[in-house]
Amino acid sequence: MTDARKPAPGSRLGLVAGLVLTGLAFAVLIGLGGWQMQRLQWKQGLIAAIAERRTAPPLSLGEIESMAEEGADIDYRAVRITGVFDHGRERHFFATHEGRTGYYVFTPLMLPDARALFVNRGFVPFEKKDAATRPEGQVSQSVTITGLARQKLAGKPSSLVPDNDVAKNIFYWKDLDAMAASSGIAADRVLPFFVDSDASKNPGGLPIGGVTQFDLPNNHLQYALTWYGLAAALVCVTVVFVYRRKRGDRTEN
C-alpha cells in the first residue's frame, strides 16, 4: 500500500527532469553571455584599429596593394593616389547625408598604368545625380586624392537590401564588380578595392567628400548583461520553486 505522506515517484521524476532542463537552459544563457563578451572585445579592438588607421599618415597605392596581396586587412587605411577621373563612367550609390536624399558618386580614377580604381568622391543631392548639373566638379586634369581604402563586399549585406538597379545606374549596395562591369571597364583592369575620398572640397562644392561611416554599433555589453540577467532570473525562479515544493511536501507530511 502506497504511503500518502511520500511524494509520488512520478512527481520526483518530473522535478528531476525539470531541474535538468533548467540546468541546460542556464548553461545556454551563460554561453550566450560569454559569446557576447567575446564579441565586445572584438568590436572594441576593431574600433580602436579603425581610429588608428584613419589618423595614420597615408600610404601609397603600392603599399596598400602589397598589403592586400598578402591578405592583410586594408579597410579604413589612409591612402594617397594620383590619376585622372573618368567622369563618364561614374556610378551612383543611393544614400542620405545630413538628412538629404541623394547619391554617393563612385568614379573610376584612371591610373598611369591604365588600371582603374573606383573612388567614392562623396555625396550629391538627388537632383544633382546627372553630372551635367554639376560641371564644376568634373575636373579633367590629374588629381591627387587622399582617402580611406575600403575592401569590397563579398555579397549583398542583407536580404532586406534592394537589388541594384544597374540599368538606371542606382546601386543600393556597394557591388564593386557590378559597378565596374556596368561601366564597361575590363575586370582585370579594376583594382579589387575602392577608396572613400576625404572631406577636401571639390570645385563647385560637389560631390561632398568625407562621407565614410565610422559609427559602428557596439551593443554587445548590453546583450551580455541581458543574457546573464536572464540566467540569474532563472536561478532565482528555480530556487523559489524548489523551496516552495519542499515546503509543501513538509506541510503535507
Protein backbone atom coordinates (compact mmCIF):
# COMPACT_ATOMS: atom_id res chain seq x y z
CA MET A 1 0.00 0.00 0.00
CA THR A 2 1.39 3.39 -1.01
CA ASP A 3 2.27 5.81 1.79
CA ALA A 4 0.28 9.00 1.03
CA ARG A 5 2.80 11.06 3.00
CA LYS A 6 5.59 10.41 0.48
CA PRO A 7 5.79 12.27 -2.86
CA ALA A 8 4.74 10.11 -5.78
CA PRO A 9 7.64 8.66 -7.81
CA GLY A 10 6.32 10.39 -10.94
CA SER A 11 6.35 13.71 -9.12
CA ARG A 12 10.00 13.24 -8.14
CA LEU A 13 10.90 12.24 -11.68
CA GLY A 14 9.18 15.36 -13.04
CA LEU A 15 11.12 17.54 -10.58
CA VAL A 16 14.45 16.00 -11.59
CA ALA A 17 13.64 16.37 -15.29
CA GLY A 18 12.66 20.00 -14.72
CA LEU A 19 15.91 20.72 -12.89
CA VAL A 20 17.93 19.10 -15.68
CA LEU A 21 16.20 21.22 -18.31
CA THR A 22 16.69 24.29 -16.15
CA GLY A 23 20.40 23.49 -15.87
CA LEU A 24 20.68 23.16 -19.64
CA ALA A 25 18.85 26.48 -20.15
CA PHE A 26 21.16 28.13 -17.62
CA ALA A 27 24.23 26.81 -19.45
CA VAL A 28 22.90 28.12 -22.77
CA LEU A 29 22.22 31.58 -21.31
CA ILE A 30 25.67 31.77 -19.74
CA GLY A 31 27.20 30.62 -23.02
CA LEU A 32 25.36 33.35 -24.94
CA GLY A 33 26.52 35.93 -22.43
CA GLY A 34 30.11 34.76 -22.77
CA TRP A 35 29.88 34.87 -26.56
CA GLN A 36 28.66 38.46 -26.42
CA MET A 37 31.60 39.37 -24.15
CA GLN A 38 33.95 37.91 -26.75
CA ARG A 39 32.18 39.95 -29.42
CA LEU A 40 32.57 43.02 -27.23
CA GLN A 41 36.34 42.56 -27.06
CA TRP A 42 36.48 42.03 -30.83
CA LYS A 43 34.38 45.15 -31.53
CA GLN A 44 36.41 47.32 -29.17
CA GLY A 45 39.60 46.14 -30.88
CA LEU A 46 38.11 46.88 -34.30
CA ILE A 47 37.04 50.40 -33.28
CA ALA A 48 40.49 51.11 -31.88
CA ALA A 49 42.16 49.77 -35.03
CA ILE A 50 39.97 51.92 -37.28
CA ALA A 51 40.73 55.02 -35.22
CA GLU A 52 44.45 54.33 -35.50
CA ARG A 53 44.33 53.63 -39.25
CA ARG A 54 42.31 56.68 -40.23
CA THR A 55 44.66 59.07 -38.40
CA ALA A 56 47.91 57.46 -39.58
CA PRO A 57 49.97 59.05 -42.38
CA PRO A 58 48.54 58.00 -45.77
CA LEU A 59 50.15 55.05 -47.52
CA SER A 60 50.94 54.87 -51.21
CA LEU A 61 48.79 52.83 -53.56
CA GLY A 62 51.63 50.35 -53.96
CA GLU A 63 51.81 49.80 -50.20
CA ILE A 64 48.06 49.21 -50.00
CA GLU A 65 48.19 46.76 -52.89
CA SER A 66 51.06 44.82 -51.30
CA MET A 67 49.13 44.55 -48.05
CA ALA A 68 46.03 43.35 -49.89
CA GLU A 69 48.01 40.73 -51.81
CA GLU A 70 49.43 39.41 -48.53
CA GLY A 71 45.94 39.05 -47.11
CA ALA A 72 46.23 41.94 -44.66
CA ASP A 73 43.18 43.96 -43.67
CA ILE A 74 43.32 47.23 -45.62
CA ASP A 75 39.91 48.53 -44.56
CA TYR A 76 39.98 52.17 -43.38
CA ARG A 77 43.71 52.58 -44.02
CA ALA A 78 44.62 56.08 -45.20
CA VAL A 79 45.96 56.19 -48.75
CA ARG A 80 47.05 58.84 -51.26
CA ILE A 81 46.64 58.22 -55.00
CA THR A 82 47.06 60.17 -58.24
CA GLY A 83 45.21 59.77 -61.51
CA VAL A 84 42.58 61.19 -63.86
CA PHE A 85 38.85 60.77 -63.23
CA ASP A 86 36.76 59.18 -65.97
CA HIS A 87 33.56 61.06 -65.18
CA GLY A 88 31.61 59.47 -67.99
CA ARG A 89 31.68 56.16 -66.12
CA GLU A 90 30.61 57.33 -62.65
CA ARG A 91 28.26 55.05 -60.74
CA HIS A 92 25.66 56.18 -58.18
CA PHE A 93 25.04 54.63 -54.77
CA PHE A 94 21.74 55.58 -53.10
CA ALA A 95 22.48 57.33 -49.81
CA THR A 96 21.50 60.06 -47.36
CA HIS A 97 23.67 62.83 -45.98
CA GLU A 98 22.72 65.22 -43.20
CA GLY A 99 19.04 64.48 -43.74
CA ARG A 100 19.09 64.82 -47.53
CA THR A 101 18.45 62.03 -50.01
CA GLY A 102 20.86 61.57 -52.88
CA TYR A 103 23.79 59.51 -54.05
CA TYR A 104 27.43 58.75 -53.39
CA VAL A 105 29.33 59.25 -56.62
CA PHE A 106 31.72 56.38 -57.42
CA THR A 107 34.06 57.45 -60.21
CA PRO A 108 36.89 55.37 -61.72
CA LEU A 109 40.24 57.06 -61.25
CA MET A 110 42.41 56.07 -64.19
CA LEU A 111 45.96 55.35 -63.03
CA PRO A 112 49.16 55.92 -65.02
CA ASP A 113 49.39 52.18 -65.75
CA ALA A 114 45.90 52.19 -67.36
CA ARG A 115 44.24 50.44 -64.42
CA ALA A 116 41.17 51.87 -62.71
CA LEU A 117 40.43 52.47 -59.04
CA PHE A 118 36.89 53.37 -58.08
CA VAL A 119 36.74 56.37 -55.75
CA ASN A 120 33.73 57.33 -53.67
CA ARG A 121 34.03 61.07 -54.26
CA GLY A 122 31.17 61.84 -51.88
CA PHE A 123 27.53 62.88 -51.77
CA VAL A 124 25.37 64.75 -54.26
CA PRO A 125 21.68 65.60 -53.70
CA PHE A 126 19.00 63.69 -55.56
CA GLU A 127 18.51 66.44 -58.13
CA LYS A 128 22.26 66.53 -58.85
CA LYS A 129 22.58 62.90 -59.96
CA ASP A 130 23.15 63.95 -63.56
CA ALA A 131 26.78 65.02 -63.87
CA ALA A 132 25.73 67.79 -66.27
CA THR A 133 24.12 69.64 -63.33
CA ARG A 134 27.49 69.94 -61.53
CA PRO A 135 30.08 70.65 -64.22
CA GLU A 136 32.47 72.48 -61.87
CA GLY A 137 33.22 69.25 -60.01
CA GLN A 138 34.03 67.27 -63.15
CA VAL A 139 37.74 68.08 -63.07
CA SER A 140 39.60 66.89 -66.15
CA GLN A 141 43.20 67.29 -65.05
CA SER A 142 45.27 64.86 -62.99
CA VAL A 143 44.33 64.93 -59.31
CA THR A 144 45.80 63.59 -56.10
CA ILE A 145 43.22 62.07 -53.76
CA THR A 146 43.63 61.32 -50.08
CA GLY A 147 41.12 58.95 -48.54
CA LEU A 148 40.48 55.61 -46.90
CA ALA A 149 40.88 52.25 -48.60
CA ARG A 150 37.77 50.09 -48.38
CA GLN A 151 37.53 46.38 -49.06
CA LYS A 152 34.82 45.35 -51.49
CA LEU A 153 31.86 43.42 -50.16
CA ALA A 154 31.72 39.69 -50.76
CA GLY A 155 27.97 39.87 -51.36
CA LYS A 156 24.75 41.68 -50.53
CA PRO A 157 24.90 42.56 -46.81
CA SER A 158 21.27 41.62 -46.15
CA SER A 159 18.25 40.16 -47.91
CA LEU A 160 16.40 43.30 -46.84
CA VAL A 161 18.61 45.45 -49.07
CA PRO A 162 17.06 46.01 -52.52
CA ASP A 163 18.76 44.63 -55.60
CA ASN A 164 20.91 47.08 -57.51
CA ASP A 165 19.20 48.73 -60.48
CA VAL A 166 22.15 48.60 -62.86
CA ALA A 167 20.09 49.75 -65.84
CA LYS A 168 19.23 53.03 -64.07
CA ASN A 169 22.71 53.32 -62.54
CA ILE A 170 21.36 53.16 -58.99
CA PHE A 171 23.16 50.90 -56.52
CA TYR A 172 21.68 50.00 -53.15
CA TRP A 173 24.72 48.07 -52.00
CA LYS A 174 28.34 48.58 -52.98
CA ASP A 175 28.81 45.84 -55.54
CA LEU A 176 32.19 46.87 -56.93
CA ASP A 177 32.20 44.13 -59.56
CA ALA A 178 28.81 45.23 -60.91
CA MET A 179 29.88 48.87 -60.88
CA ALA A 180 32.98 48.03 -62.90
CA ALA A 181 31.14 45.74 -65.32
CA SER A 182 28.34 48.25 -65.96
CA SER A 183 30.87 51.00 -66.60
CA GLY A 184 32.46 48.97 -69.37
CA ILE A 185 35.89 48.64 -67.77
CA ALA A 186 37.54 45.25 -68.15
CA ALA A 187 37.55 43.32 -64.87
CA ASP A 188 41.31 42.72 -64.98
CA ARG A 189 41.91 46.47 -65.08
CA VAL A 190 39.91 47.28 -61.93
CA LEU A 191 41.61 47.21 -58.54
CA PRO A 192 39.80 44.88 -56.09
CA PHE A 193 39.03 47.61 -53.55
CA PHE A 194 37.81 51.18 -53.60
CA VAL A 195 38.65 54.42 -51.80
CA ASP A 196 36.46 56.85 -49.87
CA SER A 197 37.81 60.34 -50.52
CA ASP A 198 38.37 62.68 -47.60
CA ALA A 199 36.47 65.90 -46.91
CA SER A 200 38.64 68.05 -49.17
CA LYS A 201 36.31 70.41 -51.03
CA ASN A 202 35.69 69.70 -54.69
CA PRO A 203 35.33 72.56 -57.22
CA GLY A 204 31.76 73.84 -57.06
CA GLY A 205 31.25 72.10 -53.72
CA LEU A 206 30.04 68.80 -55.17
CA PRO A 207 30.42 65.94 -54.52
CA ILE A 208 30.70 66.45 -50.74
CA GLY A 209 33.57 64.24 -49.61
CA GLY A 210 34.34 62.65 -46.27
CA VAL A 211 31.20 60.52 -46.08
CA THR A 212 32.77 57.38 -44.59
CA GLN A 213 30.66 55.99 -41.76
CA PHE A 214 32.52 55.21 -38.52
CA ASP A 215 29.59 54.77 -36.15
CA LEU A 216 29.87 51.02 -35.63
CA PRO A 217 27.13 49.65 -33.37
CA ASN A 218 28.54 48.25 -30.15
CA ASN A 219 25.72 46.84 -28.03
CA HIS A 220 27.46 43.62 -27.04
CA LEU A 221 27.82 44.54 -23.36
CA GLN A 222 24.09 45.26 -23.17
CA TYR A 223 23.33 41.93 -24.84
CA ALA A 224 25.70 40.10 -22.49
CA LEU A 225 24.10 41.66 -19.42
CA THR A 226 20.69 40.67 -20.78
CA TRP A 227 21.70 37.01 -21.14
CA TYR A 228 23.39 36.99 -17.73
CA GLY A 229 20.33 38.66 -16.21
CA LEU A 230 18.05 36.01 -17.66
CA ALA A 231 20.34 33.32 -16.26
CA ALA A 232 20.20 34.94 -12.82
CA ALA A 233 16.43 35.24 -13.02
CA LEU A 234 16.17 31.58 -14.00
CA VAL A 235 18.23 30.59 -10.94
CA CYS A 236 16.04 32.71 -8.65
CA VAL A 237 12.83 31.27 -10.04
CA THR A 238 14.17 27.74 -9.73
CA VAL A 239 15.30 28.26 -6.13
CA VAL A 240 11.91 29.68 -5.17
CA PHE A 241 10.10 26.84 -6.92
CA VAL A 242 12.19 24.14 -5.26
CA TYR A 243 11.85 25.82 -1.87
CA ARG A 244 8.07 26.02 -2.16
CA ARG A 245 7.93 22.44 -3.39
CA LYS A 246 9.87 21.14 -0.41
CA ARG A 247 7.90 23.31 1.97
CA GLY A 248 4.68 21.94 0.52
CA ASP A 249 5.97 18.38 0.92
CA ARG A 250 6.81 19.04 4.57
CA THR A 251 3.39 20.58 5.18
CA GLU A 252 1.65 17.53 3.71
CA ASN A 253 3.76 15.28 5.95
